């Protein structure tokens, strides 16, 4: 605090900035933990319901579209490519697309690549585009019409061997 010559107190710049930071944190933290299945949330944003596996424990969605998805365990789903879902997936959703995505990888040939975004054609077509850095991969939307079952890498049992599968993924 700073005192004026007349003895009254004035908030210092540091105190004002501190108050503003606390207020902005409160505003930014307007995150809602959703009660509806994630497939319904995806559909509301014009996205296919099968983008996330069946092992979603919970998810939260902020007013600005930022989301966080928690899975029961890391797991794999076989689409056109083998896809790895980390236990925590984050990103930003808006109508027809997901950006700033982390927690999902796809195996192309012998290499695992981070999926950084997903985007639909508007108006809708039969394809969805998966972004890997600056590169996009066009995939038929029919692969994502149903919610996929979360499995280990070998596809034998749902999520039971996820740690072993992650180890195999990291070695390859």
Protein backbone atom coordinates (compact mmCIF):
# COMPACT_ATOMS: atom_id res chain seq x y z
CA UNK A 1 0.00 0.00 0.00
CA UNK A 2 1.00 3.55 -0.59
CA UNK A 3 0.08 6.44 1.71
CA UNK A 4 -0.80 9.89 0.43
CA UNK A 5 0.36 13.04 2.12
CA UNK A 6 -3.08 13.41 3.74
CA UNK A 7 -2.70 9.99 5.39
CA UNK A 8 -5.19 8.06 3.24
CA UNK A 9 -4.17 4.72 1.81
CA UNK A 10 -4.03 3.98 -1.90
CA UNK A 11 -3.70 0.52 -3.33
CA UNK A 12 -0.34 -0.01 -4.95
CA UNK A 13 -0.01 -1.19 -8.53
CA UNK A 14 1.05 -4.66 -7.36
CA UNK A 15 -2.09 -5.00 -5.21
CA UNK A 16 -4.34 -3.91 -8.08
CA UNK A 17 -2.68 -6.37 -10.46
CA UNK A 18 -3.06 -9.13 -7.88
CA UNK A 19 -6.78 -8.45 -7.54
CA UNK A 20 -7.21 -8.40 -11.33
CA UNK A 21 -5.40 -11.73 -11.66
CA UNK A 22 -7.63 -13.32 -9.01
CA UNK A 23 -10.76 -12.04 -10.76
CA UNK A 24 -9.58 -13.23 -14.18
CA UNK A 25 -8.82 -16.68 -12.72
CA UNK A 26 -12.37 -16.86 -11.40
CA UNK A 27 -13.83 -15.84 -14.75
CA UNK A 28 -11.59 -18.21 -16.71
CA UNK A 29 -12.45 -21.11 -14.40
CA UNK A 30 -16.08 -21.22 -15.56
CA UNK A 31 -15.83 -24.91 -16.38
CA UNK A 32 -18.81 -27.21 -16.29
CA UNK A 33 -18.47 -30.90 -15.58
CA UNK A 34 -20.98 -32.45 -17.90
CA UNK A 35 -23.66 -34.92 -16.91
CA UNK A 36 -24.47 -35.98 -20.48
CA UNK A 37 -22.38 -38.59 -22.31
CA UNK A 38 -19.49 -37.17 -24.30
CA UNK A 39 -21.06 -38.55 -27.48
CA UNK A 40 -23.98 -36.12 -27.00
CA UNK A 41 -21.60 -33.20 -26.51
CA UNK A 42 -19.72 -34.13 -29.69
CA UNK A 43 -22.99 -34.34 -31.63
CA UNK A 44 -24.02 -30.85 -30.39
CA UNK A 45 -20.83 -29.53 -31.97
CA UNK A 46 -21.53 -31.29 -35.28
CA UNK A 47 -18.86 -33.94 -34.70
CA UNK A 48 -19.22 -37.73 -35.00
CA UNK A 49 -20.04 -39.52 -31.73
CA UNK A 50 -17.24 -42.06 -32.18
CA UNK A 51 -14.27 -39.71 -31.78
CA UNK A 52 -13.81 -40.75 -28.13
CA UNK A 53 -13.78 -44.33 -26.85
CA UNK A 54 -16.33 -45.92 -24.51
CA UNK A 55 -14.04 -45.67 -21.46
CA UNK A 56 -14.63 -41.94 -20.75
CA UNK A 57 -14.97 -41.53 -16.97
CA UNK A 58 -15.67 -37.80 -17.03
CA UNK A 59 -15.16 -34.64 -18.99
CA UNK A 60 -15.42 -30.91 -18.45
CA UNK A 61 -16.16 -28.15 -20.92
CA UNK A 62 -15.45 -24.42 -20.41
CA UNK A 63 -17.46 -21.59 -21.94
CA UNK A 64 -14.62 -20.88 -24.36
CA UNK A 65 -14.70 -24.49 -25.68
CA UNK A 66 -11.67 -25.81 -23.82
CA UNK A 67 -12.28 -29.35 -22.64
CA UNK A 68 -10.63 -32.08 -20.61
CA UNK A 69 -11.55 -35.75 -20.95
CA UNK A 70 -10.56 -38.37 -18.39
CA UNK A 71 -10.51 -42.03 -19.46
CA UNK A 72 -10.52 -44.98 -17.10
CA UNK A 73 -7.11 -45.98 -18.51
CA UNK A 74 -5.01 -45.27 -21.57
CA UNK A 75 -6.14 -47.47 -24.44
CA UNK A 76 -6.18 -48.25 -28.14
CA UNK A 77 -8.86 -48.30 -30.83
CA UNK A 78 -8.43 -49.78 -34.29
CA UNK A 79 -9.89 -47.53 -36.97
CA UNK A 80 -8.31 -47.24 -40.38
CA UNK A 81 -5.17 -46.75 -38.23
CA UNK A 82 -4.32 -47.86 -34.72
CA UNK A 83 -5.13 -44.94 -32.40
CA UNK A 84 -3.81 -44.44 -28.87
CA UNK A 85 -5.84 -42.47 -26.31
CA UNK A 86 -3.95 -41.21 -23.27
CA UNK A 87 -5.70 -41.19 -19.89
CA UNK A 88 -6.18 -37.41 -20.19
CA UNK A 89 -7.19 -35.71 -23.44
CA UNK A 90 -7.43 -31.93 -23.79
CA UNK A 91 -8.32 -29.51 -26.55
CA UNK A 92 -10.69 -26.81 -27.67
CA UNK A 93 -13.98 -27.63 -29.39
CA UNK A 94 -16.04 -25.39 -31.64
CA UNK A 95 -18.70 -26.24 -34.19
CA UNK A 96 -17.26 -28.81 -36.60
CA UNK A 97 -13.74 -28.91 -35.22
CA UNK A 98 -11.36 -29.63 -32.37
CA UNK A 99 -8.10 -27.69 -32.08
CA UNK A 100 -5.16 -27.65 -29.66
CA UNK A 101 -5.70 -31.38 -29.18
CA UNK A 102 -3.36 -33.42 -27.00
CA UNK A 103 -3.55 -36.97 -25.71
CA UNK A 104 -4.32 -38.79 -28.97
CA UNK A 105 -1.78 -40.46 -31.26
CA UNK A 106 -2.12 -42.46 -34.46
CA UNK A 107 0.27 -45.04 -35.82
CA UNK A 108 1.24 -44.53 -39.44
CA UNK A 109 3.50 -47.28 -40.72
CA UNK A 110 5.92 -47.71 -37.79
CA UNK A 111 5.71 -44.18 -36.40
CA UNK A 112 3.40 -42.73 -33.73
CA UNK A 113 2.25 -39.18 -34.56
CA UNK A 114 0.35 -36.71 -32.37
CA UNK A 115 -3.13 -35.84 -33.58
CA UNK A 116 -3.39 -32.07 -33.03
CA UNK A 117 -6.86 -31.41 -34.41
CA UNK A 118 -9.98 -32.71 -36.14
CA UNK A 119 -12.18 -30.85 -38.59
CA UNK A 120 -15.37 -31.50 -40.52
CA UNK A 121 -16.29 -30.05 -43.88
CA UNK A 122 -18.98 -27.40 -43.59
CA UNK A 123 -21.46 -28.14 -45.03
CA UNK A 124 -20.97 -31.70 -43.85
CA UNK A 125 -19.50 -34.32 -46.16
CA UNK A 126 -18.58 -37.97 -45.77
CA UNK A 127 -15.11 -37.12 -44.44
CA UNK A 128 -13.35 -35.80 -41.38
CA UNK A 129 -9.84 -34.38 -41.43
CA UNK A 130 -7.31 -35.30 -38.78
CA UNK A 131 -4.47 -32.84 -38.34
CA UNK A 132 -0.96 -33.95 -37.53
CA UNK A 133 1.01 -30.72 -37.27
CA UNK A 134 0.47 -28.93 -40.58
CA UNK A 135 -0.55 -32.12 -42.42
CA UNK A 136 -4.18 -33.26 -42.72
CA UNK A 137 -5.40 -36.80 -43.29
CA UNK A 138 -8.87 -37.27 -44.82
CA UNK A 139 -10.77 -40.24 -43.33
CA UNK A 140 -14.26 -41.51 -44.02
CA UNK A 141 -16.68 -40.41 -41.33
CA UNK A 142 -18.29 -43.87 -41.31
CA UNK A 143 -15.40 -45.04 -39.08
CA UNK A 144 -16.75 -42.78 -36.31
CA UNK A 145 -20.52 -43.38 -36.46
CA UNK A 146 -20.50 -45.53 -33.31
CA UNK A 147 -18.62 -45.20 -30.03
CA UNK A 148 -15.55 -47.47 -30.26
CA UNK A 149 -14.56 -49.99 -27.61
CA UNK A 150 -11.38 -49.20 -25.72
CA UNK A 151 -8.87 -52.08 -25.99
CA UNK A 152 -5.25 -52.93 -25.42
CA UNK A 153 -2.88 -52.82 -28.38
CA UNK A 154 -3.44 -56.44 -29.30
CA UNK A 155 -7.21 -56.00 -29.19
CA UNK A 156 -7.83 -58.89 -26.79
CA UNK A 157 -9.47 -57.29 -23.74
CA UNK A 158 -10.81 -53.82 -23.01
CA UNK A 159 -8.11 -51.66 -21.38
CA UNK A 160 -6.83 -54.40 -19.03
CA UNK A 161 -3.36 -54.50 -20.51
CA UNK A 162 -3.04 -50.80 -21.32
CA UNK A 163 0.26 -50.31 -19.44
CA UNK A 164 1.92 -53.14 -21.34
CA UNK A 165 0.51 -51.77 -24.58
CA UNK A 166 1.85 -48.29 -23.79
CA UNK A 167 5.29 -49.82 -23.22
CA UNK A 168 5.10 -51.53 -26.60
CA UNK A 169 3.98 -48.27 -28.22
CA UNK A 170 6.90 -46.35 -26.72
CA UNK A 171 9.44 -48.95 -27.93
CA UNK A 172 8.27 -48.96 -31.54
